[in-house]
Amino acid sequence: MNDFVDGRAERGGSFITPENVSKVKGKSKKMAKPKTKPTYAILGCGSMGFAVANELKQEGKEFVIVDSDAKRVETLRDQNFEAIPGDISDPKTLKKAHLDKLNAVIILSPDVKANKEALKIIKKTVPNILTVVRAADPVTKEELESAGADMVFLPSSVIADTAVRYLERVESVRHGRELLKLIKSVGKKKLGIIIHDNPDPDAIASGLALKYMAAHVGVDAEVIYRGEIGHQENRALVNLLNIPLRQTEEVNLDEFDMIALVDVAIPGVNNALPEGAEVEIVIDHHPAEAEKRTAQYWDVRPNMGSTATIMTSYLRDLDISISKEVATALLYGIRTDTREFRRGVDPADLNAAAFLYPLVDHDILDQIGAPSMSAETLDILGEAIKNRRIKGSYLISNVGPIMDRDAIPQAADHLLGLEGITTAIVFGLGEDKIYISGRSKDIRLNIGDIMDKAFGEIGSAGGHTTAGAAQIPLGMFSGVKDKQTLMRLAEEAVMKRFFAVVGVEKEKE
């Protein structure tokens, strides 16, 4: 007798016979590792549905597909997709998808009527499930939204958005290649990168990134600034990341064969270059008058929240590997210039930050954001609070003589938080200039324009919708030696010009 039939074969202490072999096979199947349950359903798997399915598959997501075309379902199964045949507007078909076990349903059928019916069934069966639905036109989009869809999209809009983003990417690559080609033309000579006076993290990080790009094509570059790095966080940024910067007193600008302005656009305006100086490269996010454009390469994007965003786009789109130090500096520059993404933010700023985030040194980033406050900064904050003058919702404060001009914008930020204040102006007396910083949350004002109108004629000024700055040379007060008298005259001039521009003189004090 056959050993198998006679029960001589044994597994796990049980004899295998023809009578129980099928049971053993069945038991073996049950013991196999169960398939992960799907968390999404795609209803309708035409070209768009198939594209979404492939994307989800690449992301490692579990999902089930429902489609009315039986042959298409077979093809999907052959490609290892879990698929169910049936009409998506039929409750019996949807029941097979186990809606109550899913996190979201994506309805992508080109049949709008079927999509509406499927949405109706889903919302009745599982009211809280997330639903994304395809519409054919703006009218059906509104109807689907009214029916409870969490997100409704028009394929034409998606295609248009994708095309625009693609064009932007192509344009960015083209600009980046032009920039690299120009930098490479320096050859064995040197590139001078001029950032604005008393630089902030955005300027420092952007200058560093351009130096990094120059090194990528074998060009030696120096980042140069005038003034001081006074803000404690800015000093922490430079020290912790060991960022190589040089002051104008340490260099001779004639030693550079090409000059780039970064985070500033006009020679002689808040930078070490003489007015009218020749520059080859300008990269900035501050508004600049087109008629003042003289550089061979000009990339000024006022819609961006930071120049660091522009520099990140170059590195990303040109596929230049970014060091941890450069990534950390750039992310910090974006964060500070957008006030943690609360001021003047463009989607490009968010995309750049998301790209940089996994590349940064988060320990150093935390240290930069929490340095010790200097005694002078604390004193200036105290003076700003003590000397505040309020007219309506506007606040102006004179902090007197200063050494650390970076404390002025910090004071303006703090005073803007006072109840009832929509605009704060803080100014102080430096060695040869009056430094003014403005902050505003009044949607009726563009504080950058206000600063320019009020102080541009007697100094340099500008900024954005919510943040602005100005510098007034003390030459306009020539002959005044006493500092107290000088500050009193300065206060009268600042208040008179500012209030005249905003038209607040008509309000009661």
Protein backbone atom coordinates (compact mmCIF):
# COMPACT_ATOMS: atom_id res chain seq x y z
CA MET A 1 0.00 0.00 0.00
CA ASN A 2 1.14 3.50 -0.79
CA ASP A 3 2.85 5.04 2.24
CA PHE A 4 0.84 8.26 1.67
CA VAL A 5 -2.48 6.38 1.67
CA ASP A 6 -1.39 4.23 4.55
CA GLY A 7 -0.80 7.33 6.63
CA ARG A 8 2.95 6.90 7.01
CA ALA A 9 3.58 10.54 6.14
CA GLU A 10 3.22 12.79 9.11
CA ARG A 11 3.11 16.62 9.70
CA GLY A 12 2.74 18.19 13.08
CA GLY A 13 1.73 14.91 14.69
CA SER A 14 -1.21 14.30 12.26
CA PHE A 15 -1.29 11.63 9.56
CA ILE A 16 -2.14 12.82 6.05
CA THR A 17 -4.62 10.70 4.14
CA PRO A 18 -6.55 11.25 0.89
CA GLU A 19 -9.59 12.10 3.03
CA ASN A 20 -7.97 15.00 4.90
CA VAL A 21 -5.47 16.30 2.35
CA SER A 22 -7.90 19.00 1.17
CA LYS A 23 -8.45 20.07 4.77
CA VAL A 24 -4.69 20.36 5.27
CA LYS A 25 -4.42 22.51 2.12
CA GLY A 26 -7.27 24.70 3.33
CA LYS A 27 -5.65 25.07 6.74
CA SER A 28 -2.36 26.02 5.10
CA LYS A 29 -4.05 28.86 3.22
CA LYS A 30 -5.66 30.22 6.35
CA MET A 31 -2.30 30.24 8.08
CA ALA A 32 -0.76 32.46 5.34
CA LYS A 33 -0.10 36.11 6.19
CA PRO A 34 -3.33 38.04 5.58
CA LYS A 35 -3.37 40.80 2.98
CA THR A 36 -3.40 44.35 4.33
CA LYS A 37 -6.88 45.83 4.16
CA PRO A 38 -7.28 48.75 1.73
CA THR A 39 -7.66 52.25 3.14
CA TYR A 40 -8.76 53.96 -0.09
CA ALA A 41 -11.15 53.23 -2.95
CA ILE A 42 -10.86 54.52 -6.52
CA LEU A 43 -14.23 54.56 -8.26
CA GLY A 44 -13.76 54.66 -12.02
CA CYS A 45 -10.38 53.67 -13.45
CA GLY A 46 -9.94 55.37 -16.79
CA SER A 47 -6.67 57.09 -17.63
CA MET A 48 -6.98 59.46 -14.67
CA GLY A 49 -7.96 56.73 -12.23
CA PHE A 50 -5.10 54.53 -13.42
CA ALA A 51 -2.62 57.39 -12.95
CA VAL A 52 -3.86 57.89 -9.38
CA ALA A 53 -3.67 54.14 -8.73
CA ASN A 54 -0.05 54.02 -9.87
CA GLU A 55 0.82 57.02 -7.70
CA LEU A 56 -0.79 55.42 -4.64
CA LYS A 57 1.01 52.17 -5.38
CA GLN A 58 4.38 53.96 -5.51
CA GLU A 59 3.55 55.57 -2.16
CA GLY A 60 2.92 52.11 -0.70
CA LYS A 61 -0.79 52.78 -0.08
CA GLU A 62 -3.42 50.04 0.03
CA PHE A 63 -6.54 50.59 -2.08
CA VAL A 64 -9.32 48.91 -4.03
CA ILE A 65 -10.50 49.88 -7.51
CA VAL A 66 -14.11 49.73 -8.71
CA ASP A 67 -14.85 49.97 -12.45
CA SER A 68 -17.75 49.07 -14.71
CA ASP A 69 -15.54 47.64 -17.49
CA ALA A 70 -15.04 43.93 -16.72
CA LYS A 71 -12.11 43.58 -19.16
CA ARG A 72 -10.37 46.56 -17.55
CA VAL A 73 -10.87 44.98 -14.13
CA GLU A 74 -9.24 41.76 -15.38
CA THR A 75 -6.31 43.73 -16.73
CA LEU A 76 -5.93 45.53 -13.41
CA ARG A 77 -5.97 42.23 -11.55
CA ASP A 78 -3.28 40.88 -13.89
CA GLN A 79 -1.17 43.85 -12.78
CA ASN A 80 -1.71 42.91 -9.11
CA PHE A 81 -4.28 45.62 -8.36
CA GLU A 82 -7.25 44.73 -6.17
CA ALA A 83 -10.23 45.48 -8.42
CA ILE A 84 -14.00 44.94 -8.32
CA PRO A 85 -16.28 44.99 -11.42
CA GLY A 86 -19.57 46.87 -11.23
CA ASP A 87 -21.51 50.10 -11.55
CA ILE A 88 -20.25 52.73 -9.08
CA SER A 89 -23.76 54.15 -8.76
CA ASP A 90 -25.13 50.76 -7.61
CA PRO A 91 -25.30 50.34 -3.80
CA LYS A 92 -24.64 46.60 -4.17
CA THR A 93 -21.34 47.27 -5.97
CA LEU A 94 -20.24 49.83 -3.40
CA LYS A 95 -21.09 47.43 -0.60
CA LYS A 96 -18.41 45.06 -1.95
CA ALA A 97 -15.81 47.81 -1.42
CA HIS A 98 -16.51 47.82 2.36
CA LEU A 99 -16.84 51.59 2.60
CA ASP A 100 -17.04 51.48 6.39
CA LYS A 101 -13.45 50.20 6.50
CA LEU A 102 -11.98 52.94 4.28
CA ASN A 103 -10.44 56.33 5.06
CA ALA A 104 -11.26 57.98 1.74
CA VAL A 105 -12.98 57.46 -1.59
CA ILE A 106 -11.72 59.00 -4.84
CA ILE A 107 -14.48 59.20 -7.47
CA LEU A 108 -12.90 59.63 -10.91
CA SER A 109 -15.45 58.36 -13.43
CA PRO A 110 -15.99 60.60 -16.50
CA ASP A 111 -19.75 59.96 -15.99
CA VAL A 112 -20.77 62.93 -13.83
CA LYS A 113 -24.24 61.50 -13.22
CA ALA A 114 -22.70 58.27 -11.87
CA ASN A 115 -20.31 60.30 -9.73
CA LYS A 116 -23.21 62.24 -8.18
CA GLU A 117 -25.12 59.06 -7.41
CA ALA A 118 -22.04 57.34 -5.96
CA LEU A 119 -21.38 60.37 -3.74
CA LYS A 120 -25.00 60.33 -2.56
CA ILE A 121 -24.79 56.65 -1.61
CA ILE A 122 -21.42 57.05 0.12
CA LYS A 123 -22.49 60.06 2.20
CA LYS A 124 -25.66 58.24 3.24
CA THR A 125 -23.78 55.04 4.12
CA VAL A 126 -20.61 56.49 5.67
CA PRO A 127 -21.19 60.23 6.31
CA ASN A 128 -17.73 60.97 7.72
CA ILE A 129 -15.60 59.37 5.03
CA LEU A 130 -13.35 61.70 3.03
CA THR A 131 -14.52 62.11 -0.56
CA VAL A 132 -12.65 63.51 -3.57
CA VAL A 133 -14.77 63.82 -6.71
CA ARG A 134 -14.17 64.63 -10.35
CA ALA A 135 -16.44 67.26 -11.95
CA ALA A 136 -16.99 68.20 -15.59
CA ASP A 137 -17.58 71.94 -15.27
CA PRO A 138 -18.02 74.70 -12.64
CA VAL A 139 -21.77 74.02 -12.37
CA THR A 140 -21.37 70.33 -11.51
CA LYS A 141 -18.49 71.29 -9.22
CA GLU A 142 -20.87 73.44 -7.15
CA GLU A 143 -23.50 70.67 -7.19
CA LEU A 144 -21.03 68.08 -5.91
CA GLU A 145 -19.79 70.45 -3.21
CA SER A 146 -23.38 71.05 -2.12
CA ALA A 147 -23.89 67.29 -2.02
CA GLY A 148 -21.15 66.99 0.60
CA ALA A 149 -17.96 66.25 -1.35
CA ASP A 150 -14.88 67.22 0.64
CA MET A 151 -12.90 68.13 -2.45
CA VAL A 152 -14.06 68.62 -6.04
CA PHE A 153 -11.68 69.20 -8.92
CA LEU A 154 -11.92 69.96 -12.62
CA PRO A 155 -9.51 67.95 -14.81
CA SER A 156 -9.00 71.01 -17.02
CA SER A 157 -7.90 73.05 -13.99
CA VAL A 158 -5.57 70.28 -12.82
CA ILE A 159 -3.99 70.08 -16.26
CA ALA A 160 -3.64 73.87 -16.39
CA ASP A 161 -2.04 74.00 -12.92
CA THR A 162 0.31 71.17 -13.81
CA ALA A 163 1.28 72.88 -17.06
CA VAL A 164 1.98 76.16 -15.25
CA ARG A 165 4.06 74.43 -12.57
CA TYR A 166 5.98 72.58 -15.28
CA LEU A 167 6.64 75.82 -17.16
CA GLU A 168 7.80 77.47 -13.92
CA ARG A 169 10.17 74.56 -13.32
CA VAL A 170 11.51 74.74 -16.89
CA GLU A 171 11.92 78.51 -16.54
CA SER A 172 13.73 78.06 -13.22
CA VAL A 173 16.11 75.52 -14.75
CA ARG A 174 16.79 77.84 -17.68
CA HIS A 175 17.47 80.79 -15.36
CA GLY A 176 19.68 78.63 -13.16
CA ARG A 177 21.74 77.42 -16.10
CA GLU A 178 22.18 81.00 -17.32
CA LEU A 179 23.35 82.01 -13.86
CA LEU A 180 25.82 79.12 -13.61
CA LYS A 181 27.14 79.87 -17.11
CA LEU A 182 27.72 83.50 -16.16
CA ILE A 183 29.43 82.58 -12.89
CA LYS A 184 31.57 79.98 -14.66
CA SER A 185 32.85 82.69 -17.03
CA VAL A 186 34.76 84.15 -14.05
CA GLY A 187 37.09 81.19 -14.37
CA LYS A 188 40.11 81.39 -12.08
CA LYS A 189 39.21 84.92 -10.98
CA LYS A 190 36.89 85.86 -8.10
CA LEU A 191 33.19 86.56 -7.62
CA GLY A 192 32.20 89.13 -5.01
CA ILE A 193 28.79 88.53 -3.43
CA ILE A 194 27.48 91.71 -1.79
CA ILE A 195 24.61 91.31 0.67
CA HIS A 196 22.78 94.20 2.29
CA ASP A 197 24.12 96.21 5.21
CA ASN A 198 23.74 94.67 8.69
CA PRO A 199 22.52 91.43 7.05
CA ASP A 200 19.64 89.31 8.29
CA PRO A 201 19.38 85.48 7.99
CA ASP A 202 17.77 85.66 4.54
CA ALA A 203 20.66 87.72 3.14
CA ILE A 204 23.31 85.61 4.89
CA ALA A 205 21.81 82.30 3.76
CA SER A 206 21.24 83.50 0.18
CA GLY A 207 24.80 84.81 -0.11
CA LEU A 208 26.10 81.49 1.22
CA ALA A 209 23.97 79.58 -1.32
CA LEU A 210 25.35 81.63 -4.23
CA LYS A 211 28.90 81.02 -2.97
CA TYR A 212 28.02 77.30 -2.86
CA MET A 213 26.76 77.44 -6.46
CA ALA A 214 29.97 79.17 -7.53
CA ALA A 215 32.04 76.44 -5.89
CA HIS A 216 29.96 73.89 -7.83
CA VAL A 217 31.42 75.27 -11.08
CA GLY A 218 34.90 75.78 -9.66
CA VAL A 219 34.71 79.53 -9.01
CA ASP A 220 36.08 81.17 -5.86
CA ALA A 221 33.60 83.59 -4.23
CA GLU A 222 33.41 85.76 -1.12
CA VAL A 223 30.28 86.95 0.71
CA ILE A 224 30.75 90.58 1.76
CA TYR A 225 28.72 92.89 3.97
CA ARG A 226 28.95 96.32 5.58
CA GLY A 227 27.93 97.15 9.11
CA GLU A 228 27.32 94.70 11.93
CA ILE A 229 25.60 91.38 12.53
CA GLY A 230 23.97 92.56 15.72
CA HIS A 231 20.88 90.41 16.23
CA GLN A 232 21.70 87.53 18.58
CA GLU A 233 19.98 84.98 16.35
CA ASN A 234 21.90 86.22 13.30
CA ARG A 235 25.19 85.85 15.14
CA ALA A 236 24.17 82.37 16.26
CA LEU A 237 23.40 81.45 12.64
CA VAL A 238 26.86 82.54 11.47
CA ASN A 239 28.74 81.00 14.40
CA LEU A 240 26.98 77.64 14.63
CA LEU A 241 27.13 77.01 10.88
CA ASN A 242 30.61 78.54 10.54
CA ILE A 243 29.46 80.73 7.63
CA PRO A 244 32.41 82.52 5.97
CA LEU A 245 31.62 86.24 5.69
CA ARG A 246 33.90 89.25 5.18
CA GLN A 247 33.30 92.88 6.03
CA THR A 248 33.95 95.57 3.45
CA GLU A 249 36.82 96.92 5.58
CA GLU A 250 38.64 93.62 5.09
CA VAL A 251 38.51 93.55 1.29
CA ASN A 252 39.25 95.63 -1.77
CA LEU A 253 36.30 95.37 -4.14
CA ASP A 254 38.70 95.85 -7.07
CA GLU A 255 40.03 92.34 -6.43
CA PHE A 256 36.74 90.86 -7.69
CA ASP A 257 36.17 90.39 -11.40
CA MET A 258 32.40 89.98 -11.09
CA ILE A 259 29.96 91.42 -8.56
CA ALA A 260 26.63 89.95 -7.46
CA LEU A 261 24.05 91.71 -5.31
CA VAL A 262 21.97 89.30 -3.21
CA ASP A 263 18.84 90.19 -1.20
CA VAL A 264 19.32 93.77 -2.40
CA ALA A 265 18.96 95.13 -5.93
CA ILE A 266 20.28 98.66 -6.39
CA PRO A 267 23.98 99.58 -5.96
CA GLY A 268 24.47 102.14 -3.22
CA VAL A 269 21.09 101.50 -1.57
CA ASN A 270 21.63 99.66 1.73
CA ASN A 271 24.83 98.01 0.50
CA ALA A 272 28.56 98.63 0.31
CA LEU A 273 28.70 99.47 -3.40
CA PRO A 274 28.89 103.08 -4.57
CA GLU A 275 25.79 104.44 -6.26
CA GLY A 276 25.77 103.58 -9.96
CA ALA A 277 28.39 100.84 -9.60
CA GLU A 278 28.42 98.13 -12.26
CA VAL A 279 27.13 94.72 -11.18
CA GLU A 280 26.65 91.58 -13.23
CA ILE A 281 24.16 89.64 -11.04
CA VAL A 282 21.12 90.72 -8.99
CA ILE A 283 19.00 88.22 -7.04
CA ASP A 284 16.38 89.64 -4.68
CA HIS A 285 12.80 89.38 -3.49
CA HIS A 286 12.27 93.03 -2.57
CA PRO A 287 10.38 95.25 -5.05
CA ALA A 288 12.78 97.17 -7.31
CA GLU A 289 12.11 99.77 -9.99
CA ALA A 290 12.55 98.25 -13.44
CA GLU A 291 14.18 101.38 -14.83
CA LYS A 292 17.03 100.94 -12.33
CA ARG A 293 17.85 97.52 -13.72
CA THR A 294 21.44 97.47 -14.96
CA ALA A 295 22.71 93.97 -14.20
CA GLN A 296 23.39 91.43 -16.90
CA TYR A 297 21.54 88.79 -14.85
CA TRP A 298 18.44 90.08 -13.02
CA ASP A 299 16.15 87.84 -10.97
CA VAL A 300 13.89 89.92 -8.74
CA ARG A 301 10.70 88.19 -7.54
CA PRO A 302 8.65 90.41 -5.17
CA ASN A 303 6.00 87.69 -4.83
CA MET A 304 8.45 85.47 -2.93
CA GLY A 305 8.60 85.68 0.84
CA SER A 306 12.40 85.41 0.86
CA THR A 307 15.45 85.45 -1.37
CA ALA A 308 16.41 82.12 0.22
CA THR A 309 13.41 80.62 -1.59
CA ILE A 310 14.84 81.73 -4.94
CA MET A 311 18.25 80.29 -4.09
CA THR A 312 16.65 77.01 -2.98
CA SER A 313 14.83 76.74 -6.32
CA TYR A 314 18.14 77.09 -8.18
CA LEU A 315 19.82 74.33 -6.16
CA ARG A 316 16.79 72.04 -6.34
CA ASP A 317 15.96 72.51 -10.02
CA LEU A 318 19.59 72.24 -11.12
CA ASP A 319 19.88 69.06 -9.04
CA ILE A 320 22.86 70.40 -7.08
CA SER A 321 23.45 68.37 -3.92
CA ILE A 322 22.92 70.63 -0.89
CA SER A 323 25.12 70.42 2.19
CA LYS A 324 23.53 70.25 5.62
CA GLU A 325 24.95 73.69 6.51
CA VAL A 326 23.52 75.39 3.40
CA ALA A 327 20.13 73.69 3.83
CA THR A 328 19.94 74.73 7.49
CA ALA A 329 20.82 78.35 6.69
CA LEU A 330 18.32 78.54 3.81
CA LEU A 331 15.44 77.10 5.83
CA TYR A 332 16.16 79.49 8.68
CA GLY A 333 16.30 82.39 6.19
CA ILE A 334 12.88 81.46 4.79
CA ARG A 335 11.39 81.07 8.26
CA THR A 336 12.64 84.40 9.58
CA ASP A 337 11.76 86.50 6.52
CA THR A 338 8.23 85.09 6.46
CA ARG A 339 7.91 85.27 10.27
CA GLU A 340 7.39 81.51 10.49
CA PHE A 341 5.21 81.52 7.33
CA ARG A 342 2.80 84.17 8.65
CA ARG A 343 3.93 87.11 6.50
CA GLY A 344 4.04 87.52 2.72
CA VAL A 345 4.11 83.79 2.05
CA ASP A 346 4.04 82.41 -1.49
CA PRO A 347 3.43 78.70 -2.22
CA ALA A 348 7.01 78.61 -3.47
CA ASP A 349 8.22 79.45 0.07
CA LEU A 350 6.33 76.48 1.48
CA ASN A 351 7.57 74.16 -1.27
CA ALA A 352 11.16 75.29 -0.70
CA ALA A 353 10.84 74.77 3.05
CA ALA A 354 9.37 71.29 2.53
CA PHE A 355 12.26 70.42 0.19
CA LEU A 356 14.88 71.65 2.68
CA TYR A 357 13.34 70.22 5.85
CA PRO A 358 14.77 66.67 5.64
CA LEU A 359 18.22 68.04 4.72
CA VAL A 360 18.80 70.38 7.68
CA ASP A 361 20.57 69.90 11.00
CA HIS A 362 17.59 70.25 13.35
CA ASP A 363 19.70 70.41 16.50
CA ILE A 364 21.56 73.45 15.18
CA LEU A 365 18.31 74.94 13.90
CA ASP A 366 16.86 74.76 17.41
CA GLN A 367 19.98 76.35 18.89
CA ILE A 368 19.88 79.23 16.39
CA GLY A 369 16.27 79.98 17.26
CA ALA A 370 16.88 80.18 21.01
CA PRO A 371 19.99 82.29 21.68
CA SER A 372 20.49 84.43 24.77
CA MET A 373 19.13 87.98 24.50
CA SER A 374 21.78 90.67 24.86
CA ALA A 375 21.49 93.27 27.61
CA GLU A 376 21.33 96.05 25.00
CA THR A 377 18.44 94.39 23.15
CA LEU A 378 16.56 94.10 26.44
CA ASP A 379 17.28 97.78 27.21
CA ILE A 380 16.05 98.87 23.78
CA LEU A 381 12.84 96.86 24.19
CA GLY A 382 12.35 98.62 27.52
CA GLU A 383 12.96 102.05 25.97
CA ALA A 384 10.56 101.27 23.12
CA ILE A 385 7.80 100.37 25.57
CA LYS A 386 8.48 103.36 27.84
CA ASN A 387 8.71 105.94 25.04
CA ARG A 388 5.77 104.76 22.95
CA ARG A 389 3.41 107.38 21.57
CA ILE A 390 0.03 106.29 20.24
CA LYS A 391 -2.32 108.02 17.84
CA GLY A 392 -5.37 105.94 16.98
CA SER A 393 -4.10 102.48 16.07
CA TYR A 394 -0.62 103.78 15.20
CA LEU A 395 2.32 103.58 17.60
CA ILE A 396 5.68 105.36 17.27
CA SER A 397 8.56 104.93 19.68
CA ASN A 398 11.95 106.63 19.95
CA VAL A 399 14.56 104.37 21.60
CA GLY A 400 17.39 106.92 21.54
CA PRO A 401 21.06 106.14 20.76
CA ILE A 402 21.73 102.52 19.78
CA MET A 403 24.63 100.22 19.05
CA ASP A 404 22.62 97.17 17.94
CA ARG A 405 20.30 98.31 15.13
CA ASP A 406 18.85 94.80 14.86
CA ALA A 407 17.05 95.37 18.16
CA ILE A 408 14.84 97.99 16.47
CA PRO A 409 12.82 95.56 14.29
CA GLN A 410 12.57 93.23 17.30
CA ALA A 411 11.04 96.08 19.30
CA ALA A 412 8.63 96.87 16.45
CA ASP A 413 7.53 93.23 16.36
CA HIS A 414 6.87 93.26 20.12
CA LEU A 415 4.95 96.55 20.10
CA LEU A 416 2.75 95.42 17.22
CA GLY A 417 1.33 92.83 19.63
CA LEU A 418 -0.14 95.50 21.93
CA GLU A 419 -3.92 95.59 22.08
CA GLY A 420 -5.45 98.04 19.61
CA ILE A 421 -2.20 98.61 17.67
CA THR A 422 -2.19 97.84 13.93
CA THR A 423 1.03 99.64 12.96
CA ALA A 424 4.23 100.12 14.98
CA ILE A 425 7.17 102.37 14.05
CA VAL A 426 10.39 102.24 16.11
CA PHE A 427 13.48 104.34 15.42
CA GLY A 428 16.88 104.92 16.99
CA LEU A 429 20.03 106.96 16.52
CA GLY A 430 23.11 105.23 15.14
CA GLU A 431 26.56 106.72 14.60
CA ASP A 432 25.71 108.37 11.29
CA LYS A 433 22.09 107.45 10.56
CA ILE A 434 18.62 107.26 12.04
CA TYR A 435 17.35 103.70 11.72
CA ILE A 436 13.59 103.17 11.39
CA SER A 437 11.66 99.91 11.40
CA GLY A 438 7.95 99.51 10.71
CA ARG A 439 5.55 96.63 11.22
CA SER A 440 1.86 96.54 10.30
CA LYS A 441 -1.11 94.18 10.33
CA ASP A 442 -3.46 96.79 8.81
CA ILE A 443 -4.69 95.28 5.53
CA ARG A 444 -5.34 98.80 4.19
CA LEU A 445 -1.63 99.68 4.32
CA ASN A 446 1.51 98.56 2.56
CA ILE A 447 4.05 99.59 5.19
CA GLY A 448 6.93 99.23 2.70
CA ASP A 449 5.30 101.81 0.40
CA ILE A 450 4.49 104.04 3.38
CA MET A 451 8.12 104.02 4.52
CA ASP A 452 9.31 104.82 1.01
CA LYS A 453 6.89 107.74 0.61
CA ALA A 454 7.65 109.11 4.07
CA PHE A 455 11.43 108.75 4.13
CA GLY A 456 12.65 107.85 0.64
CA GLU A 457 13.33 111.47 -0.30
CA ILE A 458 15.61 112.10 2.68
CA GLY A 459 17.18 108.65 2.92
CA SER A 460 16.65 105.09 1.72
CA ALA A 461 13.46 103.15 2.48
CA GLY A 462 11.26 100.27 1.36
CA GLY A 463 9.88 96.89 2.34
CA HIS A 464 6.79 94.73 1.97
CA THR A 465 3.13 94.84 2.90
CA THR A 466 3.69 94.07 6.58
CA ALA A 467 7.34 95.05 7.16
CA GLY A 468 9.42 98.05 6.15
CA ALA A 469 12.57 99.93 7.06
CA ALA A 470 14.29 103.25 6.44
CA GLN A 471 17.65 104.89 7.04
CA ILE A 472 18.06 108.67 7.24
CA PRO A 473 21.60 110.13 7.11
CA LEU A 474 22.31 112.48 10.00
CA GLY A 475 23.62 115.00 7.49
CA MET A 476 20.15 116.49 7.32
CA PHE A 477 20.62 117.49 10.97
CA SER A 478 24.11 118.94 10.45
CA GLY A 479 25.06 121.48 13.03
CA VAL A 480 23.16 119.79 15.88
CA LYS A 481 25.69 118.46 18.38
CA ASP A 482 23.56 117.68 21.42
CA LYS A 483 22.13 114.16 21.17
CA GLN A 484 18.99 114.99 23.15
CA THR A 485 18.21 117.88 20.82
CA LEU A 486 19.04 115.68 17.83
CA MET A 487 16.67 112.93 18.96
CA ARG A 488 13.89 115.45 19.62
CA LEU A 489 14.26 116.90 16.14
CA ALA A 490 14.46 113.41 14.65
CA GLU A 491 11.29 112.37 16.46
CA GLU A 492 9.42 115.42 15.15
CA ALA A 493 10.62 114.71 11.61
CA VAL A 494 9.76 110.99 11.73
CA MET A 495 6.32 111.51 13.23
CA LYS A 496 5.42 114.41 10.95
CA ARG A 497 6.42 112.58 7.77
CA PHE A 498 4.85 109.26 8.75
CA PHE A 499 1.53 110.70 9.90
CA ALA A 500 1.35 112.98 6.84
CA VAL A 501 1.66 109.97 4.52
CA VAL A 502 -0.93 107.82 6.33
CA GLY A 503 -3.25 110.82 6.73
CA VAL A 504 -3.73 110.22 10.43
CA GLU A 505 -3.28 113.87 11.41
CA LYS A 506 -7.01 114.24 10.97
CA GLU A 507 -7.69 111.72 13.74
CA LYS A 508 -8.02 112.68 17.37
CA GLU A 509 -5.11 111.79 19.62
